[in-house]
Amino acid sequence: MQTSMKQMIACLLACGLDPHKSIIYKQSDVHQHTQLAWIFSSLVSTVRLRRFPQWKEKSKALADTHGLYSYPVLQAADILLFNTTHVPVGADQNVHVHLTNEIGEKFNKIYGETFQKVEIQDTPCSRVLSLRDPTSKMSKSASTHMSRVNITDSDDDIWLKIRRAVTDSQSKVAYEPETRPGVSNLIRVSYCCYVLQDYK
């Protein structure tokens, strides 16, 4: 656990998070996260949570566990606890922000105006797909590490993963996501690496 936390801090700093401008802390040190999540859990039904694409995907591997239900509610508490106005998320996480707003609105109707609406902040690369299965998103929870590029990967590891990424037998390079998802995904990854150098 300690190693994982240190790695996470290193990754956040490597991504450009400035500790002089941002407060970096361990979530479990702030008990209000779980307290608010418990309150929010009484405002959303399991039927609503079961409609989440992530639940449908991960329940196949993890079974019908409580964590799959509580995670989106805890995420809503993480966001609303600090009166957040904008959240930069990947395209697959948009549904979580929508749920956050649903919970906030329901809370406000019951207890009075407390939480404001959260806006999704678009990023240049909101959806990057798996290097092994270009029809699925790139995910750190995927079974094979060859499916993703980790921020802790060495240059050699990254090049190896890119070289072994799923493409197709055609020699022409073209961005055609519908018919050539593998090659199109590599073009997207390359574009993201380029634009994110100047993204603020």
Protein backbone atom coordinates (compact mmCIF):
# COMPACT_ATOMS: atom_id res chain seq x y z
CA MET A 1 0.00 0.00 0.00
CA GLN A 2 2.79 2.43 0.92
CA THR A 3 4.59 1.68 -2.34
CA SER A 4 1.41 2.24 -4.35
CA MET A 5 0.82 5.60 -2.65
CA LYS A 6 4.37 6.74 -3.33
CA GLN A 7 4.02 5.69 -6.95
CA MET A 8 0.76 7.63 -7.27
CA ILE A 9 2.35 10.78 -5.86
CA ALA A 10 5.28 10.40 -8.25
CA CYS A 11 2.86 9.99 -11.18
CA LEU A 12 0.85 13.08 -10.21
CA LEU A 13 4.02 15.17 -9.98
CA ALA A 14 5.27 13.73 -13.27
CA CYS A 15 1.97 14.75 -14.91
CA GLY A 16 2.72 18.35 -13.97
CA LEU A 17 0.75 18.82 -10.77
CA ASP A 18 2.42 21.69 -8.91
CA PRO A 19 2.50 21.08 -5.12
CA HIS A 20 2.88 24.84 -4.64
CA LYS A 21 -0.50 25.39 -6.29
CA SER A 22 -2.34 22.17 -5.44
CA ILE A 23 -2.88 20.31 -2.19
CA ILE A 24 -1.86 16.67 -2.54
CA TYR A 25 -3.22 14.48 0.23
CA LYS A 26 -4.21 10.91 1.01
CA GLN A 27 -7.96 10.46 0.65
CA SER A 28 -8.22 8.23 3.74
CA ASP A 29 -6.82 11.07 5.88
CA VAL A 30 -9.94 13.14 5.17
CA HIS A 31 -12.83 11.22 6.70
CA GLN A 32 -15.43 13.56 5.18
CA HIS A 33 -15.00 11.72 1.86
CA THR A 34 -16.51 8.49 3.17
CA GLN A 35 -19.01 10.30 5.39
CA LEU A 36 -20.46 12.21 2.45
CA ALA A 37 -20.38 9.07 0.31
CA TRP A 38 -22.49 7.28 2.93
CA ILE A 39 -25.08 10.09 2.80
CA PHE A 40 -25.06 10.04 -1.00
CA SER A 41 -25.52 6.26 -1.05
CA SER A 42 -29.01 6.75 0.38
CA LEU A 43 -29.92 9.05 -2.52
CA VAL A 44 -29.19 6.71 -5.43
CA SER A 45 -30.62 3.27 -6.18
CA THR A 46 -28.66 0.16 -7.03
CA VAL A 47 -30.78 -0.11 -10.18
CA ARG A 48 -29.34 3.25 -11.33
CA LEU A 49 -25.79 2.19 -10.52
CA ARG A 50 -26.23 -1.13 -12.29
CA ARG A 51 -26.86 0.71 -15.56
CA PHE A 52 -23.28 2.02 -15.58
CA PRO A 53 -21.17 0.61 -18.46
CA GLN A 54 -18.28 0.07 -16.03
CA TRP A 55 -20.48 -2.03 -13.78
CA LYS A 56 -21.54 -4.20 -16.70
CA GLU A 57 -17.92 -4.68 -17.80
CA LYS A 58 -16.27 -5.23 -14.43
CA SER A 59 -19.01 -7.30 -12.81
CA LYS A 60 -18.11 -10.09 -15.24
CA ALA A 61 -14.63 -10.29 -13.72
CA LEU A 62 -15.28 -9.14 -10.16
CA ALA A 63 -18.80 -10.51 -9.64
CA ASP A 64 -21.60 -8.46 -8.09
CA THR A 65 -19.55 -6.81 -5.34
CA HIS A 66 -20.37 -3.81 -3.16
CA GLY A 67 -17.31 -1.95 -4.44
CA LEU A 68 -18.76 -1.72 -7.93
CA TYR A 69 -21.77 0.10 -6.50
CA SER A 70 -19.96 2.29 -3.98
CA TYR A 71 -17.17 3.50 -6.28
CA PRO A 72 -19.27 5.95 -8.38
CA VAL A 73 -20.94 7.27 -5.23
CA LEU A 74 -17.59 7.83 -3.54
CA GLN A 75 -16.39 9.57 -6.69
CA ALA A 76 -19.38 11.92 -6.49
CA ALA A 77 -18.46 12.69 -2.88
CA ASP A 78 -14.84 13.32 -3.89
CA ILE A 79 -16.01 15.88 -6.44
CA LEU A 80 -18.74 17.67 -4.48
CA LEU A 81 -16.92 17.77 -1.15
CA PHE A 82 -14.78 20.66 -2.40
CA ASN A 83 -17.44 22.59 -4.33
CA THR A 84 -15.80 21.59 -7.58
CA THR A 85 -17.03 23.42 -10.68
CA HIS A 86 -15.13 21.66 -13.50
CA VAL A 87 -13.76 18.13 -13.83
CA PRO A 88 -11.37 16.99 -16.61
CA VAL A 89 -12.31 13.40 -17.38
CA GLY A 90 -12.01 10.83 -20.12
CA ALA A 91 -15.06 10.22 -22.28
CA ASP A 92 -15.87 7.01 -20.42
CA GLN A 93 -16.12 8.94 -17.15
CA ASN A 94 -18.76 11.41 -18.35
CA VAL A 95 -21.50 9.23 -16.91
CA HIS A 96 -19.89 9.58 -13.47
CA VAL A 97 -20.10 13.36 -13.67
CA HIS A 98 -23.76 13.10 -14.74
CA LEU A 99 -24.43 10.90 -11.71
CA THR A 100 -22.60 13.40 -9.51
CA ASN A 101 -24.95 16.14 -10.70
CA GLU A 102 -28.00 13.91 -10.19
CA ILE A 103 -26.96 13.23 -6.60
CA GLY A 104 -26.15 16.90 -5.97
CA GLU A 105 -29.53 18.02 -7.31
CA LYS A 106 -31.37 15.43 -5.22
CA PHE A 107 -29.47 16.48 -2.10
CA ASN A 108 -30.26 20.14 -2.78
CA LYS A 109 -33.99 19.43 -3.13
CA ILE A 110 -34.05 17.69 0.24
CA TYR A 111 -31.64 19.78 2.29
CA GLY A 112 -31.47 23.13 0.45
CA GLU A 113 -29.01 24.58 -2.02
CA THR A 114 -25.62 23.16 -1.09
CA PHE A 115 -23.88 21.81 -4.18
CA GLN A 116 -23.47 23.50 -7.55
CA LYS A 117 -23.59 21.82 -10.94
CA VAL A 118 -20.32 20.31 -12.12
CA GLU A 119 -19.21 20.88 -15.70
CA ILE A 120 -17.18 18.39 -17.74
CA GLN A 121 -13.91 19.94 -18.91
CA ASP A 122 -12.98 18.62 -22.32
CA THR A 123 -9.40 17.52 -22.92
CA PRO A 124 -7.63 17.01 -26.26
CA CYS A 125 -7.49 13.26 -25.71
CA SER A 126 -10.57 12.21 -23.82
CA ARG A 127 -10.62 8.66 -25.19
CA VAL A 128 -7.55 6.47 -25.77
CA LEU A 129 -8.07 2.82 -26.64
CA SER A 130 -6.28 -0.39 -25.68
CA LEU A 131 -3.15 -1.31 -27.61
CA ARG A 132 -4.26 -4.97 -27.60
CA ASP A 133 -7.97 -4.45 -28.21
CA PRO A 134 -8.60 -1.14 -30.02
CA THR A 135 -12.35 -1.53 -29.54
CA SER A 136 -11.99 -1.09 -25.76
CA LYS A 137 -10.60 1.78 -23.71
CA MET A 138 -7.03 1.78 -22.43
CA SER A 139 -7.33 0.77 -18.79
CA LYS A 140 -4.94 0.24 -15.91
CA SER A 141 -7.15 -2.61 -14.70
CA ALA A 142 -6.77 -4.60 -17.95
CA SER A 143 -5.36 -8.10 -17.53
CA THR A 144 -2.27 -7.47 -19.67
CA HIS A 145 0.18 -4.60 -19.14
CA MET A 146 0.86 -4.64 -22.91
CA SER A 147 -2.56 -3.06 -23.45
CA ARG A 148 -1.59 0.29 -21.93
CA VAL A 149 1.16 2.87 -21.58
CA ASN A 150 1.94 3.60 -17.95
CA ILE A 151 3.55 6.86 -16.91
CA THR A 152 6.16 4.78 -15.08
CA ASP A 153 7.11 2.82 -18.22
CA SER A 154 10.64 3.23 -19.54
CA ASP A 155 11.19 4.46 -23.10
CA ASP A 156 12.10 0.90 -24.13
CA ASP A 157 8.89 -0.47 -22.59
CA ILE A 158 6.78 2.10 -24.42
CA TRP A 159 8.41 1.41 -27.77
CA LEU A 160 7.94 -2.34 -27.25
CA LYS A 161 4.23 -1.87 -26.50
CA ILE A 162 3.73 0.38 -29.51
CA ARG A 163 5.54 -2.06 -31.82
CA ARG A 164 3.40 -4.94 -30.58
CA ALA A 165 0.13 -3.01 -30.70
CA VAL A 166 -2.71 -4.52 -32.72
CA THR A 167 -2.96 -2.99 -36.21
CA ASP A 168 -3.88 -4.70 -39.49
CA SER A 169 -2.28 -6.10 -42.66
CA GLN A 170 -2.62 -2.96 -44.81
CA SER A 171 0.49 -0.93 -45.56
CA LYS A 172 -1.26 2.43 -45.91
CA VAL A 173 -1.47 4.60 -42.80
CA ALA A 174 -4.93 6.15 -42.50
CA TYR A 175 -7.20 7.37 -39.74
CA GLU A 176 -10.33 5.27 -40.24
CA PRO A 177 -11.64 4.37 -36.75
CA GLU A 178 -14.64 2.39 -37.99
CA THR A 179 -12.81 0.09 -40.39
CA ARG A 180 -9.22 0.22 -39.08
CA PRO A 181 -9.42 0.72 -35.30
CA GLY A 182 -5.89 -0.49 -34.51
CA VAL A 183 -4.00 1.88 -36.81
CA SER A 184 -6.40 4.71 -35.99
CA ASN A 185 -5.74 4.19 -32.28
CA LEU A 186 -1.97 4.51 -32.78
CA ILE A 187 -2.52 7.71 -34.76
CA ARG A 188 -4.69 8.99 -31.90
CA VAL A 189 -2.02 8.08 -29.31
CA SER A 190 0.64 9.85 -31.38
CA TYR A 191 -1.58 12.92 -31.70
CA CYS A 192 -2.23 12.98 -27.96
CA CYS A 193 1.50 12.85 -27.19
CA TYR A 194 2.01 15.79 -29.55
CA VAL A 195 -0.84 18.07 -28.43
CA LEU A 196 -0.41 17.41 -24.72
CA GLN A 197 3.07 18.91 -24.82
CA ASP A 198 1.46 22.32 -25.16
CA TYR A 199 -1.83 21.59 -23.39
CA LYS A 200 -2.46 23.65 -20.25
